[in-house]
């Protein structure tokens, strides 16, 4: 199972890199969102996909699931949602002030 999720992470990182190298600001924001989700999946996979009982240590529990990776991922998801919302507002305001969402046109030079 971990191998399949690692391959999915690789595909997500590839898609995010493609979107980040785009000239469109919306694609760049989507690329950062996809990259953050890929990192969340990678951290979850590194924490281990274990099946066990609840993380309460007692006398009769042999195996338990560690809740720390899930708590860290949940915190990272909330932070990445806030950053994505900020990026979307920033792109909207940039579009309002410049009239374009093309990064090449915002640069003001026609090098290529």
PDB file of N, CA and C in Angstrom:
ATOM      1  N   UNK A   1       0.824  -1.194   0.000  1.00  0.00           N
ATOM      2  CA  UNK A   1       0.000   0.000   0.000  1.00  0.00           C
ATOM      3  C   UNK A   1       0.870   1.260   0.000  1.00  0.00           C
ATOM      4  N   UNK A   2       1.962   1.224   0.761  1.00  0.00           N
ATOM      5  CA  UNK A   2       2.834   2.396   0.813  1.00  0.00           C
ATOM      6  C   UNK A   2       3.476   2.684  -0.541  1.00  0.00           C
ATOM      7  N   UNK A   3       3.773   1.629  -1.312  1.00  0.00           N
ATOM      8  CA  UNK A   3       4.384   1.817  -2.621  1.00  0.00           C
ATOM      9  C   UNK A   3       3.424   2.526  -3.568  1.00  0.00           C
ATOM     10  N   UNK A   4       2.156   2.149  -3.534  1.00  0.00           N
ATOM     11  CA  UNK A   4       1.179   2.783  -4.405  1.00  0.00           C
ATOM     12  C   UNK A   4       0.995   4.256  -4.040  1.00  0.00           C
ATOM     13  N   UNK A   5       0.936   4.561  -2.757  1.00  0.00           N
ATOM     14  CA  UNK A   5       0.770   5.952  -2.334  1.00  0.00           C
ATOM     15  C   UNK A   5       2.010   6.765  -2.674  1.00  0.00           C
ATOM     16  N   UNK A   6       3.190   6.162  -2.590  1.00  0.00           N
ATOM     17  CA  UNK A   6       4.416   6.860  -2.971  1.00  0.00           C
ATOM     18  C   UNK A   6       4.411   7.177  -4.463  1.00  0.00           C
ATOM     19  N   UNK A   7       3.903   6.261  -5.284  1.00  0.00           N
ATOM     20  CA  UNK A   7       3.777   6.536  -6.717  1.00  0.00           C
ATOM     21  C   UNK A   7       2.767   7.657  -6.981  1.00  0.00           C
ATOM     22  N   UNK A   8       1.681   7.682  -6.239  1.00  0.00           N
ATOM     23  CA  UNK A   8       0.699   8.753  -6.371  1.00  0.00           C
ATOM     24  C   UNK A   8       1.323  10.090  -5.983  1.00  0.00           C
ATOM     25  N   UNK A   9       2.144  10.085  -4.942  1.00  0.00           N
ATOM     26  CA  UNK A   9       2.849  11.304  -4.530  1.00  0.00           C
ATOM     27  C   UNK A   9       3.767  11.780  -5.650  1.00  0.00           C
ATOM     28  N   UNK A  10       4.465  10.856  -6.307  1.00  0.00           N
ATOM     29  CA  UNK A  10       5.333  11.223  -7.418  1.00  0.00           C
ATOM     30  C   UNK A  10       4.562  11.848  -8.564  1.00  0.00           C
ATOM     31  N   UNK A  11       3.402  11.290  -8.874  1.00  0.00           N
ATOM     32  CA  UNK A  11       2.568  11.854  -9.943  1.00  0.00           C
ATOM     33  C   UNK A  11       2.072  13.242  -9.548  1.00  0.00           C
ATOM     34  N   UNK A  12       1.653  13.407  -8.302  1.00  0.00           N
ATOM     35  CA  UNK A  12       1.179  14.715  -7.844  1.00  0.00           C
ATOM     36  C   UNK A  12       2.287  15.762  -7.876  1.00  0.00           C
ATOM     37  N   UNK A  13       3.494  15.378  -7.496  1.00  0.00           N
ATOM     38  CA  UNK A  13       4.625  16.316  -7.546  1.00  0.00           C
ATOM     39  C   UNK A  13       4.929  16.690  -8.994  1.00  0.00           C
ATOM     40  N   UNK A  14       4.844  15.737  -9.907  1.00  0.00           N
ATOM     41  CA  UNK A  14       5.074  16.034 -11.327  1.00  0.00           C
ATOM     42  C   UNK A  14       4.032  17.008 -11.867  1.00  0.00           C
ATOM     43  N   UNK A  15       2.769  16.768 -11.547  1.00  0.00           N
ATOM     44  CA  UNK A  15       1.700  17.659 -11.999  1.00  0.00           C
ATOM     45  C   UNK A  15       1.873  19.049 -11.384  1.00  0.00           C
ATOM     46  N   UNK A  16       2.214  19.099 -10.105  1.00  0.00           N
ATOM     47  CA  UNK A  16       2.398  20.389  -9.434  1.00  0.00           C
ATOM     48  C   UNK A  16       3.570  21.162 -10.026  1.00  0.00           C
ATOM     49  N   UNK A  17       4.647  20.468 -10.360  1.00  0.00           N
ATOM     50  CA  UNK A  17       5.794  21.138 -10.974  1.00  0.00           C
ATOM     51  C   UNK A  17       5.420  21.693 -12.339  1.00  0.00           C
ATOM     52  N   UNK A  18       4.664  20.935 -13.110  1.00  0.00           N
ATOM     53  CA  UNK A  18       4.202  21.416 -14.414  1.00  0.00           C
ATOM     54  C   UNK A  18       3.344  22.670 -14.259  1.00  0.00           C
ATOM     55  N   UNK A  19       2.440  22.660 -13.284  1.00  0.00           N
ATOM     56  CA  UNK A  19       1.573  23.818 -13.080  1.00  0.00           C
ATOM     57  C   UNK A  19       2.342  25.015 -12.536  1.00  0.00           C
ATOM     58  N   UNK A  20       3.329  24.782 -11.695  1.00  0.00           N
ATOM     59  CA  UNK A  20       4.121  25.890 -11.151  1.00  0.00           C
ATOM     60  C   UNK A  20       4.955  26.586 -12.217  1.00  0.00           C
ATOM     61  N   UNK A  21       5.334  25.872 -13.259  1.00  0.00           N
ATOM     62  CA  UNK A  21       6.128  26.462 -14.325  1.00  0.00           C
ATOM     63  C   UNK A  21       5.273  27.122 -15.400  1.00  0.00           C
ATOM     64  N   UNK A  22       3.989  27.224 -15.170  1.00  0.00           N
ATOM     65  CA  UNK A  22       3.073  27.815 -16.132  1.00  0.00           C
ATOM     66  C   UNK A  22       3.150  29.340 -16.072  1.00  0.00           C
ATOM     67  N   UNK A  23       2.595  29.984 -17.087  1.00  0.00           N
ATOM     68  CA  UNK A  23       2.571  31.442 -17.138  1.00  0.00           C
ATOM     69  C   UNK A  23       1.298  32.025 -16.543  1.00  0.00           C
ATOM     70  N   UNK A  24       0.334  31.190 -16.233  1.00  0.00           N
ATOM     71  CA  UNK A  24      -0.947  31.628 -15.707  1.00  0.00           C
ATOM     72  C   UNK A  24      -0.907  31.594 -14.181  1.00  0.00           C
ATOM     73  N   UNK A  25      -1.362  32.672 -13.547  1.00  0.00           N
ATOM     74  CA  UNK A  25      -1.305  32.750 -12.086  1.00  0.00           C
ATOM     75  C   UNK A  25      -2.224  31.740 -11.407  1.00  0.00           C
ATOM     76  N   UNK A  26      -3.381  31.480 -11.980  1.00  0.00           N
ATOM     77  CA  UNK A  26      -4.293  30.505 -11.377  1.00  0.00           C
ATOM     78  C   UNK A  26      -3.664  29.117 -11.385  1.00  0.00           C
ATOM     79  N   UNK A  27      -2.977  28.778 -12.461  1.00  0.00           N
ATOM     80  CA  UNK A  27      -2.298  27.477 -12.511  1.00  0.00           C
ATOM     81  C   UNK A  27      -1.186  27.396 -11.482  1.00  0.00           C
ATOM     82  N   UNK A  28      -0.516  28.501 -11.231  1.00  0.00           N
ATOM     83  CA  UNK A  28       0.543  28.506 -10.218  1.00  0.00           C
ATOM     84  C   UNK A  28      -0.056  28.264  -8.836  1.00  0.00           C
ATOM     85  N   UNK A  29      -1.192  28.882  -8.549  1.00  0.00           N
ATOM     86  CA  UNK A  29      -1.855  28.670  -7.259  1.00  0.00           C
ATOM     87  C   UNK A  29      -2.326  27.223  -7.135  1.00  0.00           C
ATOM     88  N   UNK A  30      -2.897  26.664  -8.203  1.00  0.00           N
ATOM     89  CA  UNK A  30      -3.310  25.259  -8.176  1.00  0.00           C
ATOM     90  C   UNK A  30      -2.106  24.339  -8.006  1.00  0.00           C
ATOM     91  N   UNK A  31      -0.980  24.699  -8.607  1.00  0.00           N
ATOM     92  CA  UNK A  31       0.239  23.910  -8.440  1.00  0.00           C
ATOM     93  C   UNK A  31       0.719  23.895  -7.004  1.00  0.00           C
ATOM     94  N   UNK A  32       0.649  25.039  -6.326  1.00  0.00           N
ATOM     95  CA  UNK A  32       1.068  25.061  -4.916  1.00  0.00           C
ATOM     96  C   UNK A  32       0.114  24.245  -4.050  1.00  0.00           C
ATOM     97  N   UNK A  33      -1.188  24.291  -4.380  1.00  0.00           N
ATOM     98  CA  UNK A  33      -2.157  23.500  -3.607  1.00  0.00           C
ATOM     99  C   UNK A  33      -1.919  22.006  -3.810  1.00  0.00           C
ATOM    100  N   UNK A  34      -1.680  21.597  -5.048  1.00  0.00           N
ATOM    101  CA  UNK A  34      -1.432  20.177  -5.320  1.00  0.00           C
ATOM    102  C   UNK A  34      -0.120  19.722  -4.688  1.00  0.00           C
ATOM    103  N   UNK A  35       0.889  20.592  -4.719  1.00  0.00           N
ATOM    104  CA  UNK A  35       2.166  20.239  -4.091  1.00  0.00           C
ATOM    105  C   UNK A  35       2.015  20.075  -2.581  1.00  0.00           C
ATOM    106  N   UNK A  36       1.209  20.915  -1.965  1.00  0.00           N
ATOM    107  CA  UNK A  36       1.004  20.766  -0.522  1.00  0.00           C
ATOM    108  C   UNK A  36       0.265  19.473  -0.204  1.00  0.00           C
ATOM    109  N   UNK A  37      -0.689  19.087  -1.044  1.00  0.00           N
ATOM    110  CA  UNK A  37      -1.383  17.813  -0.817  1.00  0.00           C
ATOM    111  C   UNK A  37      -0.446  16.625  -1.032  1.00  0.00           C
ATOM    112  N   UNK A  38       0.460  16.758  -1.985  1.00  0.00           N
ATOM    113  CA  UNK A  38       1.447  15.687  -2.188  1.00  0.00           C
ATOM    114  C   UNK A  38       2.347  15.541  -0.970  1.00  0.00           C
ATOM    115  N   UNK A  39       2.735  16.649  -0.385  1.00  0.00           N
ATOM    116  CA  UNK A  39       3.563  16.593   0.827  1.00  0.00           C
ATOM    117  C   UNK A  39       2.788  15.977   1.981  1.00  0.00           C
ATOM    118  N   UNK A  40       1.494  16.286   2.084  1.00  0.00           N
ATOM    119  CA  UNK A  40       0.679  15.685   3.145  1.00  0.00           C
ATOM    120  C   UNK A  40       0.618  14.163   2.987  1.00  0.00           C
ATOM    121  N   UNK A  41       0.405  13.714   1.760  1.00  0.00           N
ATOM    122  CA  UNK A  41       0.378  12.264   1.526  1.00  0.00           C
ATOM    123  C   UNK A  41       1.725  11.624   1.823  1.00  0.00           C
ATOM    124  N   UNK A  42       2.799  12.307   1.453  1.00  0.00           N
ATOM    125  CA  UNK A  42       4.128  11.765   1.709  1.00  0.00           C
ATOM    126  C   UNK A  42       4.397  11.662   3.204  1.00  0.00           C
ATOM    127  N   UNK A  43       4.033  12.686   3.954  1.00  0.00           N
ATOM    128  CA  UNK A  43       4.236  12.628   5.406  1.00  0.00           C
ATOM    129  C   UNK A  43       3.380  11.541   6.056  1.00  0.00           C
ATOM    130  N   UNK A  44       2.164  11.374   5.554  1.00  0.00           N
ATOM    131  CA  UNK A  44       1.306  10.320   6.086  1.00  0.00           C
ATOM    132  C   UNK A  44       1.893   8.946   5.788  1.00  0.00           C
ATOM    133  N   UNK A  45       2.450   8.780   4.605  1.00  0.00           N
ATOM    134  CA  UNK A  45       3.051   7.499   4.242  1.00  0.00           C
ATOM    135  C   UNK A  45       4.306   7.238   5.055  1.00  0.00           C
ATOM    136  N   UNK A  46       5.090   8.280   5.281  1.00  0.00           N
ATOM    137  CA  UNK A  46       6.307   8.109   6.087  1.00  0.00           C
ATOM    138  C   UNK A  46       5.980   7.773   7.532  1.00  0.00           C
ATOM    139  N   UNK A  47       4.829   8.276   8.018  1.00  0.00           N
ATOM    140  CA  UNK A  47       4.406   7.950   9.377  1.00  0.00           C
ATOM    141  C   UNK A  47       3.980   6.503   9.519  1.00  0.00           C
ATOM    142  N   UNK A  48       3.695   5.868   8.400  1.00  0.00           N
ATOM    143  CA  UNK A  48       3.325   4.456   8.432  1.00  0.00           C
ATOM    144  C   UNK A  48       1.829   4.272   8.392  1.00  0.00           C
ATOM    145  N   UNK A  49       1.396   3.399   7.501  1.00  0.00           N
ATOM    146  CA  UNK A  49      -0.017   3.059   7.426  1.00  0.00           C
ATOM    147  C   UNK A  49      -0.232   1.801   8.256  1.00  0.00           C
ATOM    148  N   UNK A  50      -0.536   2.019   9.512  1.00  0.00           N
ATOM    149  CA  UNK A  50      -0.656   0.901  10.442  1.00  0.00           C
ATOM    150  C   UNK A  50      -2.110   0.700  10.828  1.00  0.00           C
ATOM    151  N   UNK A  51      -2.419  -0.526  11.085  1.00  0.00           N
ATOM    152  CA  UNK A  51      -3.752  -0.869  11.564  1.00  0.00           C
ATOM    153  C   UNK A  51      -3.591  -1.386  12.983  1.00  0.00           C
ATOM    154  N   UNK A  52      -4.259  -0.723  13.871  1.00  0.00           N
ATOM    155  CA  UNK A  52      -4.163  -1.122  15.274  1.00  0.00           C
ATOM    156  C   UNK A  52      -5.346  -0.573  16.036  1.00  0.00           C
ATOM    157  N   UNK A  53      -5.268  -0.651  17.338  1.00  0.00           N
ATOM    158  CA  UNK A  53      -6.362  -0.139  18.151  1.00  0.00           C
ATOM    159  C   UNK A  53      -6.138   1.346  18.425  1.00  0.00           C
ATOM    160  N   UNK A  54      -6.982   1.899  19.214  1.00  0.00           N
ATOM    161  CA  UNK A  54      -6.896   3.320  19.534  1.00  0.00           C
ATOM    162  C   UNK A  54      -5.608   3.605  20.298  1.00  0.00           C
ATOM    163  N   UNK A  55      -5.095   4.835  20.236  1.00  0.00           N
ATOM    164  CA  UNK A  55      -3.817   5.126  20.891  1.00  0.00           C
ATOM    165  C   UNK A  55      -3.936   5.319  22.399  1.00  0.00           C
ATOM    166  N   UNK A  56      -4.566   4.359  23.063  1.00  0.00           N
ATOM    167  CA  UNK A  56      -4.657   4.379  24.518  1.00  0.00           C
ATOM    168  C   UNK A  56      -3.850   3.198  25.031  1.00  0.00           C
ATOM    169  N   UNK A  57      -2.845   3.511  25.785  1.00  0.00           N
ATOM    170  CA  UNK A  57      -2.001   2.440  26.315  1.00  0.00           C
ATOM    171  C   UNK A  57      -2.629   1.879  27.583  1.00  0.00           C
ATOM    172  N   UNK A  58      -2.813   0.616  27.574  1.00  0.00           N
ATOM    173  CA  UNK A  58      -3.378  -0.045  28.736  1.00  0.00           C
ATOM    174  C   UNK A  58      -2.695  -1.377  28.956  1.00  0.00           C
ATOM    175  N   UNK A  59      -3.277  -2.169  29.791  1.00  0.00           N
ATOM    176  CA  UNK A  59      -2.697  -3.462  30.104  1.00  0.00           C
ATOM    177  C   UNK A  59      -2.936  -4.495  29.016  1.00  0.00           C
ATOM    178  N   UNK A  60      -4.050  -4.410  28.323  1.00  0.00           N
ATOM    179  CA  UNK A  60      -4.424  -5.449  27.379  1.00  0.00           C
ATOM    180  C   UNK A  60      -4.191  -5.071  25.916  1.00  0.00           C
ATOM    181  N   UNK A  61      -3.517  -3.970  25.636  1.00  0.00           N
ATOM    182  CA  UNK A  61      -3.316  -3.511  24.260  1.00  0.00           C
ATOM    183  C   UNK A  61      -1.912  -3.883  23.814  1.00  0.00           C
ATOM    184  N   UNK A  62      -1.831  -4.668  22.726  1.00  0.00           N
ATOM    185  CA  UNK A  62      -0.519  -5.055  22.196  1.00  0.00           C
ATOM    186  C   UNK A  62      -0.021  -4.072  21.143  1.00  0.00           C
ATOM    187  N   UNK A  63      -0.885  -3.706  20.219  1.00  0.00           N
ATOM    188  CA  UNK A  63      -0.507  -2.756  19.170  1.00  0.00           C
ATOM    189  C   UNK A  63      -1.444  -1.565  19.218  1.00  0.00           C
ATOM    190  N   UNK A  64      -0.915  -0.427  18.858  1.00  0.00           N
ATOM    191  CA  UNK A  64      -1.733   0.772  18.801  1.00  0.00           C
ATOM    192  C   UNK A  64      -1.258   1.632  17.642  1.00  0.00           C
ATOM    193  N   UNK A  65      -2.118   2.507  17.195  1.00  0.00           N
ATOM    194  CA  UNK A  65      -1.821   3.406  16.090  1.00  0.00           C
ATOM    195  C   UNK A  65      -1.371   4.744  16.657  1.00  0.00           C
ATOM    196  N   UNK A  66      -0.237   5.236  16.167  1.00  0.00           N
ATOM    197  CA  UNK A  66       0.285   6.514  16.629  1.00  0.00           C
ATOM    198  C   UNK A  66      -0.535   7.641  16.024  1.00  0.00           C
ATOM    199  N   UNK A  67      -1.045   8.531  16.830  1.00  0.00           N
ATOM    200  CA  UNK A  67      -1.900   9.616  16.357  1.00  0.00           C
ATOM    201  C   UNK A  67      -1.120  10.874  15.997  1.00  0.00           C
ATOM    202  N   UNK A  68       0.168  10.912  16.258  1.00  0.00           N
ATOM    203  CA  UNK A  68       0.943  12.121  15.984  1.00  0.00           C
ATOM    204  C   UNK A  68       1.012  12.471  14.499  1.00  0.00           C
ATOM    205  N   UNK A  69       1.285  11.531  13.580  1.00  0.00           N
ATOM    206  CA  UNK A  69       1.294  11.928  12.158  1.00  0.00           C
ATOM    207  C   UNK A  69      -0.043  12.482  11.677  1.00  0.00           C
ATOM    208  N   UNK A  70      -1.142  11.912  12.132  1.00  0.00           N
ATOM    209  CA  UNK A  70      -2.445  12.409  11.721  1.00  0.00           C
ATOM    210  C   UNK A  70      -2.680  13.823  12.257  1.00  0.00           C
ATOM    211  N   UNK A  71      -2.256  14.089  13.471  1.00  0.00           N
ATOM    212  CA  UNK A  71      -2.431  15.428  14.040  1.00  0.00           C
ATOM    213  C   UNK A  71      -1.581  16.452  13.304  1.00  0.00           C
ATOM    214  N   UNK A  72      -0.369  16.082  12.942  1.00  0.00           N
ATOM    215  CA  UNK A  72       0.494  16.999  12.205  1.00  0.00           C
ATOM    216  C   UNK A  72      -0.045  17.266  10.806  1.00  0.00           C
ATOM    217  N   UNK A  73      -0.564  16.241  10.153  1.00  0.00           N
ATOM    218  CA  UNK A  73      -1.128  16.406   8.815  1.00  0.00           C
ATOM    219  C   UNK A  73      -2.368  17.286   8.873  1.00  0.00           C
ATOM    220  N   UNK A  74      -3.196  17.103   9.870  1.00  0.00           N
ATOM    221  CA  UNK A  74      -4.396  17.935  10.000  1.00  0.00           C
ATOM    222  C   UNK A  74      -4.017  19.398  10.182  1.00  0.00           C
ATOM    223  N   UNK A  75      -3.010  19.664  10.981  1.00  0.00           N
ATOM    224  CA  UNK A  75      -2.530  21.036  11.148  1.00  0.00           C
ATOM    225  C   UNK A  75      -1.973  21.588   9.840  1.00  0.00           C
ATOM    226  N   UNK A  76      -1.232  20.775   9.103  1.00  0.00           N
ATOM    227  CA  UNK A  76      -0.664  21.218   7.833  1.00  0.00           C
ATOM    228  C   UNK A  76      -1.754  21.474   6.793  1.00  0.00           C
ATOM    229  N   UNK A  77      -2.821  20.701   6.815  1.00  0.00           N
ATOM    230  CA  UNK A  77      -3.926  20.917   5.881  1.00  0.00           C
ATOM    231  C   UNK A  77      -4.596  22.256   6.150  1.00  0.00           C
ATOM    232  N   UNK A  78      -4.808  22.582   7.404  1.00  0.00           N
ATOM    233  CA  UNK A  78      -5.431  23.859   7.753  1.00  0.00           C
ATOM    234  C   UNK A  78      -4.536  25.020   7.325  1.00  0.00           C
ATOM    235  N   UNK A  79      -3.241  24.900   7.545  1.00  0.00           N
ATOM    236  CA  UNK A  79      -2.315  25.962   7.160  1.00  0.00           C
ATOM    237  C   UNK A  79      -2.261  26.103   5.644  1.00  0.00           C
ATOM    238  N   UNK A  80      -2.219  24.990   4.919  1.00  0.00           N
ATOM    239  CA  UNK A  80      -2.165  25.084   3.455  1.00  0.00           C
ATOM    240  C   UNK A  80      -3.468  25.642   2.886  1.00  0.00           C
ATOM    241  N   UNK A  81      -4.600  25.359   3.528  1.00  0.00           N
ATOM    242  CA  UNK A  81      -5.857  25.962   3.086  1.00  0.00           C
ATOM    243  C   UNK A  81      -5.820  27.473   3.252  1.00  0.00           C
ATOM    244  N   UNK A  82      -5.290  27.947   4.364  1.00  0.00           N
ATOM    245  CA  UNK A  82      -5.201  29.395   4.589  1.00  0.00           C
ATOM    246  C   UNK A  82      -4.250  30.047   3.591  1.00  0.00           C
ATOM    247  N   UNK A  83      -3.131  29.394   3.294  1.00  0.00           N
ATOM    248  CA  UNK A  83      -2.177  29.946   2.333  1.00  0.00           C
ATOM    249  C   UNK A  83      -2.783  29.965   0.935  1.00  0.00           C
ATOM    250  N   UNK A  84      -3.509  28.925   0.558  1.00  0.00           N
ATOM    251  CA  UNK A  84      -4.161  28.891  -0.751  1.00  0.00           C
ATOM    252  C   UNK A  84      -5.224  29.980  -0.855  1.00  0.00           C
ATOM    253  N   UNK A  85      -5.985  30.198   0.194  1.00  0.00           N
ATOM    254  CA  UNK A  85      -6.984  31.272   0.187  1.00  0.00           C
ATOM    255  C   UNK A  85      -6.302  32.628   0.043  1.00  0.00           C
ATOM    256  N   UNK A  86      -5.186  32.833   0.726  1.00  0.00           N
ATOM    257  CA  UNK A  86      -4.441  34.082   0.598  1.00  0.00           C
ATOM    258  C   UNK A  86      -3.916  34.262  -0.818  1.00  0.00           C
ATOM    259  N   UNK A  87      -3.378  33.193  -1.411  1.00  0.00           N
ATOM    260  CA  UNK A  87      -2.881  33.270  -2.789  1.00  0.00           C
ATOM    261  C   UNK A  87      -4.002  33.615  -3.762  1.00  0.00           C
ATOM    262  N   UNK A  88      -5.194  33.034  -3.570  1.00  0.00           N
ATOM    263  CA  UNK A  88      -6.309  33.319  -4.467  1.00  0.00           C
ATOM    264  C   UNK A  88      -6.742  34.783  -4.365  1.00  0.00           C
ATOM    265  N   UNK A  89      -6.769  35.331  -3.157  1.00  0.00           N
ATOM    266  CA  UNK A  89      -7.107  36.741  -2.992  1.00  0.00           C
ATOM    267  C   UNK A  89      -6.026  37.618  -3.620  1.00  0.00           C
ATOM    268  N   UNK A  90      -4.772  37.226  -3.469  1.00  0.00           N
ATOM    269  CA  UNK A  90      -3.673  37.981  -4.059  1.00  0.00           C
ATOM    270  C   UNK A  90      -3.743  37.958  -5.587  1.00  0.00           C
ATOM    271  N   UNK A  91      -4.088  36.815  -6.166  1.00  0.00           N
ATOM    272  CA  UNK A  91      -4.240  36.718  -7.619  1.00  0.00           C
ATOM    273  C   UNK A  91      -5.414  37.565  -8.088  1.00  0.00           C
ATOM    274  N   UNK A  92      -6.500  37.553  -7.352  1.00  0.00           N
ATOM    275  CA  UNK A  92      -7.659  38.356  -7.721  1.00  0.00           C
ATOM    276  C   UNK A  92      -7.330  39.842  -7.708  1.00  0.00           C
ATOM    277  N   UNK A  93      -6.651  40.291  -6.667  1.00  0.00           N
ATOM    278  CA  UNK A  93      -6.276  41.709  -6.583  1.00  0.00           C
ATOM    279  C   UNK A  93      -5.262  42.078  -7.660  1.00  0.00           C
ATOM    280  N   UNK A  94      -4.362  41.171  -7.983  1.00  0.00           N
ATOM    281  CA  UNK A  94      -3.400  41.428  -9.050  1.00  0.00           C
ATOM    282  C   UNK A  94      -4.107  41.527 -10.389  1.00  0.00           C
ATOM    283  N   UNK A  95      -5.079  40.674 -10.613  1.00  0.00           N
ATOM    284  CA  UNK A  95      -5.843  40.738 -11.860  1.00  0.00           C
ATOM    285  C   UNK A  95      -6.636  42.038 -11.947  1.00  0.00           C
ATOM    286  N   UNK A  96      -7.185  42.485 -10.823  1.00  0.00           N
ATOM    287  CA  UNK A  96      -7.930  43.742 -10.836  1.00  0.00           C
ATOM    288  C   UNK A  96      -7.031  44.929 -11.150  1.00  0.00           C
ATOM    289  N   UNK A  97      -5.817  44.931 -10.631  1.00  0.00           N
ATOM    290  CA  UNK A  97      -4.952  46.089 -10.828  1.00  0.00           C
ATOM    291  C   UNK A  97      -4.218  46.059 -12.167  1.00  0.00           C
ATOM    292  N   UNK A  98      -3.880  44.869 -12.677  1.00  0.00           N
ATOM    293  CA  UNK A  98      -3.120  44.803 -13.924  1.00  0.00           C
ATOM    294  C   UNK A  98      -3.982  44.459 -15.133  1.00  0.00           C
ATOM    295  N   UNK A  99      -5.096  43.794 -14.937  1.00  0.00           N
ATOM    296  CA  UNK A  99      -5.957  43.419 -16.051  1.00  0.00           C
ATOM    297  C   UNK A  99      -5.547  42.137 -16.745  1.00  0.00           C
ATOM    298  N   UNK A 100      -4.565  41.430 -16.217  1.00  0.00           N
ATOM    299  CA  UNK A 100      -4.124  40.173 -16.820  1.00  0.00           C
ATOM    300  C   UNK A 100      -3.668  39.224 -15.717  1.00  0.00           C
ATOM    301  N   UNK A 101      -3.683  37.943 -16.047  1.00  0.00           N
ATOM    302  CA  UNK A 101      -3.140  36.956 -15.107  1.00  0.00           C
ATOM    303  C   UNK A 101      -1.957  36.216 -15.720  1.00  0.00           C
ATOM    304  N   UNK A 102      -1.443  36.747 -16.816  1.00  0.00           N
ATOM    305  CA  UNK A 102      -0.289  36.153 -17.477  1.00  0.00           C
ATOM    306  C   UNK A 102       0.990  36.741 -16.873  1.00  0.00           C
ATOM    307  N   UNK A 103       1.850  35.894 -16.381  1.00  0.00           N
ATOM    308  CA  UNK A 103       3.071  36.363 -15.737  1.00  0.00           C
ATOM    309  C   UNK A 103       4.023  37.039 -16.714  1.00  0.00           C
ATOM    310  N   UNK A 104       4.036  36.611 -17.966  1.00  0.00           N
ATOM    311  CA  UNK A 104       4.922  37.208 -18.964  1.00  0.00           C
ATOM    312  C   UNK A 104       4.486  38.637 -19.273  1.00  0.00           C
ATOM    313  N   UNK A 105       3.198  38.875 -19.342  1.00  0.00           N
ATOM    314  CA  UNK A 105       2.703  40.230 -19.594  1.00  0.00           C
ATOM    315  C   UNK A 105       2.897  41.132 -18.389  1.00  0.00           C
ATOM    316  N   UNK A 106       2.834  40.568 -17.185  1.00  0.00           N
ATOM    317  CA  UNK A 106       3.070  41.369 -15.982  1.00  0.00           C
ATOM    318  C   UNK A 106       4.521  41.804 -15.868  1.00  0.00           C
ATOM    319  N   UNK A 107       5.406  41.004 -16.410  1.00  0.00           N
ATOM    320  CA  UNK A 107       6.823  41.335 -16.354  1.00  0.00           C
ATOM    321  C   UNK A 107       7.115  42.591 -17.158  1.00  0.00           C
ATOM    322  N   UNK A 108       6.405  42.774 -18.276  1.00  0.00           N
ATOM    323  CA  UNK A 108       6.556  43.973 -19.070  1.00  0.00           C
ATOM    324  C   UNK A 108       7.596  43.900 -20.142  1.00  0.00           C
ATOM    325  N   UNK A 109       8.286  42.779 -20.278  1.00  0.00           N
ATOM    326  CA  UNK A 109       9.295  42.635 -21.334  1.00  0.00           C
ATOM    327  C   UNK A 109       8.893  41.515 -22.257  1.00  0.00           C
ATOM    328  N   UNK A 110       9.328  41.609 -23.477  1.00  0.00           N
ATOM    329  CA  UNK A 110       9.052  40.570 -24.459  1.00  0.00           C
ATOM    330  C   UNK A 110      10.371  39.900 -24.851  1.00  0.00           C
ATOM    331  N   UNK A 111      10.966  39.189 -23.908  1.00  0.00           N
ATOM    332  CA  UNK A 111      12.249  38.537 -24.157  1.00  0.00           C
ATOM    333  C   UNK A 111      12.090  37.353 -25.079  1.00  0.00           C
ATOM    334  N   UNK A 112      11.029  36.605 -24.925  1.00  0.00           N
ATOM    335  CA  UNK A 112      10.876  35.371 -25.698  1.00  0.00           C
ATOM    336  C   UNK A 112       9.721  35.443 -26.626  1.00  0.00           C
TER     337      UNK A 112
END
